[in-house]
Amino acid sequence: MYKLTEIFGWVNLLAAAIGLAASPFVTLPEPLKAGAWVFILVLMAIVAAAIIFASKQKAAGSDIGEKAYPATLAAYILWAVMAFNWFG
């Protein structure tokens, strides 16, 4: 289970990196500005890195993993809701 969420985190980190690299070439929808696009991708990268770290800690059985793992999953849900609100 924790390996699956770690892989999910790595995929999200890769997607954020690709999105940031493609930022100069993307035409954004009207209500969005370039700063908002970069902000949401940076936030995605931070949340993905937290998911990777928490998954590794939870798999190792550490105390920080017990608290950080559910918190990072909640952070990802909040990030997704925020991104949907901006783009949806």
PDB file of N, CA and C in Angstrom:
ATOM      1  N   MET A   1       0.832  -1.196   0.000  1.00  0.00           N
ATOM      2  CA  MET A   1       0.000   0.000   0.000  1.00  0.00           C
ATOM      3  C   MET A   1       0.872   1.254   0.000  1.00  0.00           C
ATOM      4  N   TYR A   2       1.890   1.262   0.845  1.00  0.00           N
ATOM      5  CA  TYR A   2       2.734   2.453   0.947  1.00  0.00           C
ATOM      6  C   TYR A   2       3.612   2.616  -0.282  1.00  0.00           C
ATOM      7  N   LYS A   3       3.986   1.522  -0.893  1.00  0.00           N
ATOM      8  CA  LYS A   3       4.770   1.591  -2.128  1.00  0.00           C
ATOM      9  C   LYS A   3       3.929   2.202  -3.246  1.00  0.00           C
ATOM     10  N   LEU A   4       2.633   1.880  -3.262  1.00  0.00           N
ATOM     11  CA  LEU A   4       1.740   2.438  -4.269  1.00  0.00           C
ATOM     12  C   LEU A   4       1.611   3.958  -4.116  1.00  0.00           C
ATOM     13  N   THR A   5       1.464   4.436  -2.893  1.00  0.00           N
ATOM     14  CA  THR A   5       1.375   5.884  -2.697  1.00  0.00           C
ATOM     15  C   THR A   5       2.717   6.561  -2.963  1.00  0.00           C
ATOM     16  N   GLU A   6       3.811   5.855  -2.715  1.00  0.00           N
ATOM     17  CA  GLU A   6       5.122   6.424  -3.045  1.00  0.00           C
ATOM     18  C   GLU A   6       5.263   6.580  -4.562  1.00  0.00           C
ATOM     19  N   ILE A   7       4.841   5.572  -5.307  1.00  0.00           N
ATOM     20  CA  ILE A   7       4.880   5.658  -6.768  1.00  0.00           C
ATOM     21  C   ILE A   7       3.962   6.775  -7.252  1.00  0.00           C
ATOM     22  N   PHE A   8       2.791   6.905  -6.640  1.00  0.00           N
ATOM     23  CA  PHE A   8       1.865   7.985  -6.963  1.00  0.00           C
ATOM     24  C   PHE A   8       2.535   9.342  -6.742  1.00  0.00           C
ATOM     25  N   GLY A   9       3.291   9.473  -5.661  1.00  0.00           N
ATOM     26  CA  GLY A   9       4.016  10.703  -5.384  1.00  0.00           C
ATOM     27  C   GLY A   9       5.076  10.987  -6.434  1.00  0.00           C
ATOM     28  N   TRP A  10       5.811   9.957  -6.844  1.00  0.00           N
ATOM     29  CA  TRP A  10       6.843  10.147  -7.870  1.00  0.00           C
ATOM     30  C   TRP A  10       6.222  10.553  -9.209  1.00  0.00           C
ATOM     31  N   VAL A  11       5.076   9.948  -9.544  1.00  0.00           N
ATOM     32  CA  VAL A  11       4.391  10.313 -10.792  1.00  0.00           C
ATOM     33  C   VAL A  11       3.934  11.772 -10.733  1.00  0.00           C
ATOM     34  N   ASN A  12       3.405  12.187  -9.591  1.00  0.00           N
ATOM     35  CA  ASN A  12       2.972  13.576  -9.442  1.00  0.00           C
ATOM     36  C   ASN A  12       4.151  14.539  -9.488  1.00  0.00           C
ATOM     37  N   LEU A  13       5.266  14.158  -8.892  1.00  0.00           N
ATOM     38  CA  LEU A  13       6.461  14.999  -8.935  1.00  0.00           C
ATOM     39  C   LEU A  13       6.968  15.141 -10.374  1.00  0.00           C
ATOM     40  N   LEU A  14       6.935  14.056 -11.122  1.00  0.00           N
ATOM     41  CA  LEU A  14       7.334  14.101 -12.528  1.00  0.00           C
ATOM     42  C   LEU A  14       6.372  14.977 -13.330  1.00  0.00           C
ATOM     43  N   ALA A  15       5.077  14.853 -13.073  1.00  0.00           N
ATOM     44  CA  ALA A  15       4.093  15.673 -13.785  1.00  0.00           C
ATOM     45  C   ALA A  15       4.280  17.158 -13.473  1.00  0.00           C
ATOM     46  N   ALA A  16       4.584  17.468 -12.221  1.00  0.00           N
ATOM     47  CA  ALA A  16       4.824  18.869 -11.854  1.00  0.00           C
ATOM     48  C   ALA A  16       6.077  19.405 -12.549  1.00  0.00           C
ATOM     49  N   ALA A  17       7.120  18.585 -12.621  1.00  0.00           N
ATOM     50  CA  ALA A  17       8.353  19.010 -13.290  1.00  0.00           C
ATOM     51  C   ALA A  17       8.110  19.241 -14.788  1.00  0.00           C
ATOM     52  N   ILE A  18       7.363  18.350 -15.416  1.00  0.00           N
ATOM     53  CA  ILE A  18       7.045  18.517 -16.835  1.00  0.00           C
ATOM     54  C   ILE A  18       6.188  19.757 -17.044  1.00  0.00           C
ATOM     55  N   GLY A  19       5.227  19.965 -16.151  1.00  0.00           N
ATOM     56  CA  GLY A  19       4.372  21.148 -16.245  1.00  0.00           C
ATOM     57  C   GLY A  19       5.153  22.438 -16.101  1.00  0.00           C
ATOM     58  N   LEU A  20       6.106  22.449 -15.165  1.00  0.00           N
ATOM     59  CA  LEU A  20       6.932  23.644 -14.986  1.00  0.00           C
ATOM     60  C   LEU A  20       7.841  23.869 -16.192  1.00  0.00           C
ATOM     61  N   ALA A  21       8.370  22.783 -16.738  1.00  0.00           N
ATOM     62  CA  ALA A  21       9.237  22.918 -17.911  1.00  0.00           C
ATOM     63  C   ALA A  21       8.448  23.391 -19.131  1.00  0.00           C
ATOM     64  N   ALA A  22       7.177  23.010 -19.217  1.00  0.00           N
ATOM     65  CA  ALA A  22       6.352  23.389 -20.360  1.00  0.00           C
ATOM     66  C   ALA A  22       5.656  24.732 -20.166  1.00  0.00           C
ATOM     67  N   SER A  23       5.792  25.332 -19.003  1.00  0.00           N
ATOM     68  CA  SER A  23       5.076  26.581 -18.693  1.00  0.00           C
ATOM     69  C   SER A  23       5.266  27.692 -19.721  1.00  0.00           C
ATOM     70  N   PRO A  24       6.457  27.915 -20.245  1.00  0.00           N
ATOM     71  CA  PRO A  24       6.598  29.002 -21.229  1.00  0.00           C
ATOM     72  C   PRO A  24       5.846  28.750 -22.532  1.00  0.00           C
ATOM     73  N   PHE A  25       5.502  27.503 -22.797  1.00  0.00           N
ATOM     74  CA  PHE A  25       4.893  27.152 -24.073  1.00  0.00           C
ATOM     75  C   PHE A  25       3.387  26.910 -23.980  1.00  0.00           C
ATOM     76  N   VAL A  26       2.810  27.095 -22.790  1.00  0.00           N
ATOM     77  CA  VAL A  26       1.398  26.800 -22.562  1.00  0.00           C
ATOM     78  C   VAL A  26       0.585  28.083 -22.635  1.00  0.00           C
ATOM     79  N   THR A  27      -0.522  28.020 -23.358  1.00  0.00           N
ATOM     80  CA  THR A  27      -1.462  29.135 -23.379  1.00  0.00           C
ATOM     81  C   THR A  27      -2.495  28.873 -22.291  1.00  0.00           C
ATOM     82  N   LEU A  28      -2.555  29.774 -21.324  1.00  0.00           N
ATOM     83  CA  LEU A  28      -3.446  29.575 -20.180  1.00  0.00           C
ATOM     84  C   LEU A  28      -4.840  30.094 -20.485  1.00  0.00           C
ATOM     85  N   PRO A  29      -5.861  29.494 -19.829  1.00  0.00           N
ATOM     86  CA  PRO A  29      -7.209  30.040 -19.969  1.00  0.00           C
ATOM     87  C   PRO A  29      -7.266  31.469 -19.421  1.00  0.00           C
ATOM     88  N   GLU A  30      -8.267  32.210 -19.809  1.00  0.00           N
ATOM     89  CA  GLU A  30      -8.346  33.637 -19.498  1.00  0.00           C
ATOM     90  C   GLU A  30      -8.254  33.987 -18.015  1.00  0.00           C
ATOM     91  N   PRO A  31      -8.969  33.331 -17.088  1.00  0.00           N
ATOM     92  CA  PRO A  31      -8.897  33.804 -15.708  1.00  0.00           C
ATOM     93  C   PRO A  31      -7.559  33.521 -15.016  1.00  0.00           C
ATOM     94  N   LEU A  32      -6.736  32.658 -15.601  1.00  0.00           N
ATOM     95  CA  LEU A  32      -5.473  32.297 -14.955  1.00  0.00           C
ATOM     96  C   LEU A  32      -4.325  33.152 -15.461  1.00  0.00           C
ATOM     97  N   LYS A  33      -3.431  33.451 -14.581  1.00  0.00           N
ATOM     98  CA  LYS A  33      -2.199  34.151 -14.928  1.00  0.00           C
ATOM     99  C   LYS A  33      -1.043  33.167 -14.795  1.00  0.00           C
ATOM    100  N   ALA A  34       0.095  33.528 -15.324  1.00  0.00           N
ATOM    101  CA  ALA A  34       1.258  32.642 -15.276  1.00  0.00           C
ATOM    102  C   ALA A  34       1.695  32.373 -13.845  1.00  0.00           C
ATOM    103  N   GLY A  35       1.564  33.365 -12.966  1.00  0.00           N
ATOM    104  CA  GLY A  35       1.953  33.172 -11.575  1.00  0.00           C
ATOM    105  C   GLY A  35       1.105  32.130 -10.878  1.00  0.00           C
ATOM    106  N   ALA A  36      -0.184  32.105 -11.185  1.00  0.00           N
ATOM    107  CA  ALA A  36      -1.081  31.112 -10.580  1.00  0.00           C
ATOM    108  C   ALA A  36      -0.739  29.711 -11.079  1.00  0.00           C
ATOM    109  N   TRP A  37      -0.420  29.601 -12.345  1.00  0.00           N
ATOM    110  CA  TRP A  37      -0.048  28.305 -12.929  1.00  0.00           C
ATOM    111  C   TRP A  37       1.210  27.756 -12.266  1.00  0.00           C
ATOM    112  N   VAL A  38       2.229  28.596 -12.139  1.00  0.00           N
ATOM    113  CA  VAL A  38       3.480  28.168 -11.509  1.00  0.00           C
ATOM    114  C   VAL A  38       3.246  27.851 -10.035  1.00  0.00           C
ATOM    115  N   PHE A  39       2.437  28.666  -9.349  1.00  0.00           N
ATOM    116  CA  PHE A  39       2.142  28.434  -7.940  1.00  0.00           C
ATOM    117  C   PHE A  39       1.499  27.070  -7.725  1.00  0.00           C
ATOM    118  N   ILE A  40       0.522  26.719  -8.542  1.00  0.00           N
ATOM    119  CA  ILE A  40      -0.175  25.451  -8.338  1.00  0.00           C
ATOM    120  C   ILE A  40       0.732  24.265  -8.662  1.00  0.00           C
ATOM    121  N   LEU A  41       1.639  24.431  -9.623  1.00  0.00           N
ATOM    122  CA  LEU A  41       2.572  23.346  -9.936  1.00  0.00           C
ATOM    123  C   LEU A  41       3.629  23.189  -8.843  1.00  0.00           C
ATOM    124  N   VAL A  42       4.094  24.301  -8.292  1.00  0.00           N
ATOM    125  CA  VAL A  42       5.055  24.223  -7.184  1.00  0.00           C
ATOM    126  C   VAL A  42       4.400  23.577  -5.971  1.00  0.00           C
ATOM    127  N   LEU A  43       3.148  23.939  -5.702  1.00  0.00           N
ATOM    128  CA  LEU A  43       2.421  23.319  -4.601  1.00  0.00           C
ATOM    129  C   LEU A  43       2.248  21.823  -4.843  1.00  0.00           C
ATOM    130  N   MET A  44       1.999  21.453  -6.095  1.00  0.00           N
ATOM    131  CA  MET A  44       1.869  20.039  -6.442  1.00  0.00           C
ATOM    132  C   MET A  44       3.181  19.301  -6.163  1.00  0.00           C
ATOM    133  N   ALA A  45       4.296  19.916  -6.507  1.00  0.00           N
ATOM    134  CA  ALA A  45       5.598  19.296  -6.271  1.00  0.00           C
ATOM    135  C   ALA A  45       5.871  19.142  -4.779  1.00  0.00           C
ATOM    136  N   ILE A  46       5.502  20.138  -3.986  1.00  0.00           N
ATOM    137  CA  ILE A  46       5.716  20.062  -2.534  1.00  0.00           C
ATOM    138  C   ILE A  46       4.875  18.948  -1.925  1.00  0.00           C
ATOM    139  N   VAL A  47       3.613  18.866  -2.331  1.00  0.00           N
ATOM    140  CA  VAL A  47       2.732  17.825  -1.803  1.00  0.00           C
ATOM    141  C   VAL A  47       3.215  16.446  -2.249  1.00  0.00           C
ATOM    142  N   ALA A  48       3.660  16.328  -3.487  1.00  0.00           N
ATOM    143  CA  ALA A  48       4.176  15.049  -3.977  1.00  0.00           C
ATOM    144  C   ALA A  48       5.421  14.622  -3.207  1.00  0.00           C
ATOM    145  N   ALA A  49       6.314  15.561  -2.935  1.00  0.00           N
ATOM    146  CA  ALA A  49       7.512  15.234  -2.148  1.00  0.00           C
ATOM    147  C   ALA A  49       7.128  14.814  -0.736  1.00  0.00           C
ATOM    148  N   ALA A  50       6.123  15.449  -0.171  1.00  0.00           N
ATOM    149  CA  ALA A  50       5.662  15.064   1.168  1.00  0.00           C
ATOM    150  C   ALA A  50       5.049  13.673   1.157  1.00  0.00           C
ATOM    151  N   ILE A  51       4.319  13.338   0.104  1.00  0.00           N
ATOM    152  CA  ILE A  51       3.737  11.993  -0.003  1.00  0.00           C
ATOM    153  C   ILE A  51       4.838  10.946  -0.101  1.00  0.00           C
ATOM    154  N   ILE A  52       5.863  11.224  -0.880  1.00  0.00           N
ATOM    155  CA  ILE A  52       6.981  10.285  -1.017  1.00  0.00           C
ATOM    156  C   ILE A  52       7.666  10.079   0.329  1.00  0.00           C
ATOM    157  N   PHE A  53       7.965  11.164   1.016  1.00  0.00           N
ATOM    158  CA  PHE A  53       8.634  11.082   2.315  1.00  0.00           C
ATOM    159  C   PHE A  53       7.777  10.341   3.329  1.00  0.00           C
ATOM    160  N   ALA A  54       6.493  10.691   3.407  1.00  0.00           N
ATOM    161  CA  ALA A  54       5.612  10.062   4.398  1.00  0.00           C
ATOM    162  C   ALA A  54       5.408   8.586   4.098  1.00  0.00           C
ATOM    163  N   SER A  55       5.340   8.213   2.828  1.00  0.00           N
ATOM    164  CA  SER A  55       5.185   6.801   2.474  1.00  0.00           C
ATOM    165  C   SER A  55       6.398   5.988   2.901  1.00  0.00           C
ATOM    166  N   LYS A  56       7.579   6.547   2.680  1.00  0.00           N
ATOM    167  CA  LYS A  56       8.798   5.845   3.099  1.00  0.00           C
ATOM    168  C   LYS A  56       8.870   5.721   4.617  1.00  0.00           C
ATOM    169  N   GLN A  57       8.486   6.782   5.332  1.00  0.00           N
ATOM    170  CA  GLN A  57       8.516   6.750   6.786  1.00  0.00           C
ATOM    171  C   GLN A  57       7.476   5.782   7.344  1.00  0.00           C
ATOM    172  N   LYS A  58       6.298   5.747   6.740  1.00  0.00           N
ATOM    173  CA  LYS A  58       5.243   4.839   7.193  1.00  0.00           C
ATOM    174  C   LYS A  58       5.653   3.393   6.957  1.00  0.00           C
ATOM    175  N   ALA A  59       6.269   3.117   5.810  1.00  0.00           N
ATOM    176  CA  ALA A  59       6.737   1.763   5.517  1.00  0.00           C
ATOM    177  C   ALA A  59       7.833   1.335   6.481  1.00  0.00           C
ATOM    178  N   ALA A  60       8.633   2.294   6.933  1.00  0.00           N
ATOM    179  CA  ALA A  60       9.706   1.990   7.883  1.00  0.00           C
ATOM    180  C   ALA A  60       9.171   1.846   9.307  1.00  0.00           C
ATOM    181  N   GLY A  61       7.934   2.247   9.529  1.00  0.00           N
ATOM    182  CA  GLY A  61       7.327   2.112  10.849  1.00  0.00           C
ATOM    183  C   GLY A  61       7.704   3.210  11.825  1.00  0.00           C
ATOM    184  N   SER A  62       8.133   4.352  11.334  1.00  0.00           N
ATOM    185  CA  SER A  62       8.542   5.436  12.230  1.00  0.00           C
ATOM    186  C   SER A  62       7.326   6.185  12.760  1.00  0.00           C
ATOM    187  N   ASP A  63       7.539   6.898  13.853  1.00  0.00           N
ATOM    188  CA  ASP A  63       6.458   7.668  14.463  1.00  0.00           C
ATOM    189  C   ASP A  63       6.004   8.816  13.567  1.00  0.00           C
ATOM    190  N   ILE A  64       6.937   9.455  12.882  1.00  0.00           N
ATOM    191  CA  ILE A  64       6.559  10.565  12.010  1.00  0.00           C
ATOM    192  C   ILE A  64       5.686  10.077  10.850  1.00  0.00           C
ATOM    193  N   GLY A  65       5.924   8.859  10.407  1.00  0.00           N
ATOM    194  CA  GLY A  65       5.110   8.284   9.348  1.00  0.00           C
ATOM    195  C   GLY A  65       3.668   8.077   9.765  1.00  0.00           C
ATOM    196  N   GLU A  66       3.469   7.740  11.047  1.00  0.00           N
ATOM    197  CA  GLU A  66       2.106   7.542  11.558  1.00  0.00           C
ATOM    198  C   GLU A  66       1.277   8.815  11.462  1.00  0.00           C
ATOM    199  N   LYS A  67       1.909   9.951  11.660  1.00  0.00           N
ATOM    200  CA  LYS A  67       1.195  11.230  11.631  1.00  0.00           C
ATOM    201  C   LYS A  67       1.229  11.874  10.245  1.00  0.00           C
ATOM    202  N   ALA A  68       2.354  11.775   9.566  1.00  0.00           N
ATOM    203  CA  ALA A  68       2.525  12.480   8.297  1.00  0.00           C
ATOM    204  C   ALA A  68       1.788  11.809   7.144  1.00  0.00           C
ATOM    205  N   TYR A  69       1.660  10.502   7.161  1.00  0.00           N
ATOM    206  CA  TYR A  69       1.034   9.794   6.046  1.00  0.00           C
ATOM    207  C   TYR A  69      -0.408  10.244   5.815  1.00  0.00           C
ATOM    208  N   PRO A  70      -1.276  10.200   6.821  1.00  0.00           N
ATOM    209  CA  PRO A  70      -2.643  10.673   6.566  1.00  0.00           C
ATOM    210  C   PRO A  70      -2.704  12.175   6.274  1.00  0.00           C
ATOM    211  N   ALA A  71      -1.798  12.931   6.863  1.00  0.00           N
ATOM    212  CA  ALA A  71      -1.791  14.380   6.630  1.00  0.00           C
ATOM    213  C   ALA A  71      -1.428  14.696   5.184  1.00  0.00           C
ATOM    214  N   THR A  72      -0.501  13.950   4.601  1.00  0.00           N
ATOM    215  CA  THR A  72      -0.132  14.219   3.210  1.00  0.00           C
ATOM    216  C   THR A  72      -1.245  13.808   2.249  1.00  0.00           C
ATOM    217  N   LEU A  73      -1.966  12.744   2.590  1.00  0.00           N
ATOM    218  CA  LEU A  73      -3.099  12.369   1.744  1.00  0.00           C
ATOM    219  C   LEU A  73      -4.184  13.436   1.797  1.00  0.00           C
ATOM    220  N   ALA A  74      -4.423  13.986   2.977  1.00  0.00           N
ATOM    221  CA  ALA A  74      -5.387  15.088   3.103  1.00  0.00           C
ATOM    222  C   ALA A  74      -4.889  16.321   2.359  1.00  0.00           C
ATOM    223  N   ALA A  75      -3.592  16.591   2.410  1.00  0.00           N
ATOM    224  CA  ALA A  75      -3.021  17.736   1.688  1.00  0.00           C
ATOM    225  C   ALA A  75      -3.203  17.567   0.189  1.00  0.00           C
ATOM    226  N   TYR A  76      -3.064  16.345  -0.307  1.00  0.00           N
ATOM    227  CA  TYR A  76      -3.258  16.116  -1.737  1.00  0.00           C
ATOM    228  C   TYR A  76      -4.712  16.346  -2.131  1.00  0.00           C
ATOM    229  N   ILE A  77      -5.631  15.896  -1.299  1.00  0.00           N
ATOM    230  CA  ILE A  77      -7.059  16.119  -1.578  1.00  0.00           C
ATOM    231  C   ILE A  77      -7.355  17.619  -1.596  1.00  0.00           C
ATOM    232  N   LEU A  78      -6.813  18.354  -0.642  1.00  0.00           N
ATOM    233  CA  LEU A  78      -7.016  19.799  -0.618  1.00  0.00           C
ATOM    234  C   LEU A  78      -6.402  20.467  -1.842  1.00  0.00           C
ATOM    235  N   TRP A  79      -5.231  20.012  -2.257  1.00  0.00           N
ATOM    236  CA  TRP A  79      -4.605  20.554  -3.460  1.00  0.00           C
ATOM    237  C   TRP A  79      -5.486  20.287  -4.687  1.00  0.00           C
ATOM    238  N   ALA A  80      -6.034  19.078  -4.790  1.00  0.00           N
ATOM    239  CA  ALA A  80      -6.882  18.722  -5.927  1.00  0.00           C
ATOM    240  C   ALA A  80      -8.148  19.573  -5.965  1.00  0.00           C
ATOM    241  N   VAL A  81      -8.732  19.821  -4.804  1.00  0.00           N
ATOM    242  CA  VAL A  81      -9.929  20.663  -4.744  1.00  0.00           C
ATOM    243  C   VAL A  81      -9.588  22.094  -5.166  1.00  0.00           C
ATOM    244  N   MET A  82      -8.442  22.589  -4.711  1.00  0.00           N
ATOM    245  CA  MET A  82      -8.026  23.934  -5.081  1.00  0.00           C
ATOM    246  C   MET A  82      -7.761  24.023  -6.594  1.00  0.00           C
ATOM    247  N   ALA A  83      -7.094  23.032  -7.153  1.00  0.00           N
ATOM    248  CA  ALA A  83      -6.819  23.031  -8.589  1.00  0.00           C
ATOM    249  C   ALA A  83      -8.118  22.929  -9.378  1.00  0.00           C
ATOM    250  N   PHE A  84      -9.044  22.119  -8.928  1.00  0.00           N
ATOM    251  CA  PHE A  84     -10.341  22.011  -9.597  1.00  0.00           C
ATOM    252  C   PHE A  84     -11.098  23.329  -9.532  1.00  0.00           C
ATOM    253  N   ASN A  85     -10.995  24.020  -8.407  1.00  0.00           N
ATOM    254  CA  ASN A  85     -11.665  25.301  -8.254  1.00  0.00           C
ATOM    255  C   ASN A  85     -11.093  26.332  -9.256  1.00  0.00           C
ATOM    256  N   TRP A  86      -9.770  26.316  -9.441  1.00  0.00           N
ATOM    257  CA  TRP A  86      -9.140  27.269 -10.354  1.00  0.00           C
ATOM    258  C   TRP A  86      -9.384  26.911 -11.807  1.00  0.00           C
ATOM    259  N   PHE A  87      -9.274  25.623 -12.124  1.00  0.00           N
ATOM    260  CA  PHE A  87      -9.343  25.199 -13.525  1.00  0.00           C
ATOM    261  C   PHE A  87     -10.727  24.728 -13.957  1.00  0.00           C
ATOM    262  N   GLY A  88     -11.565  24.381 -12.995  1.00  0.00           N
ATOM    263  CA  GLY A  88     -12.866  23.781 -13.312  1.00  0.00           C
ATOM    264  C   GLY A  88     -13.929  24.695 -13.594  1.00  0.00           C
TER     265      GLY A  88
END
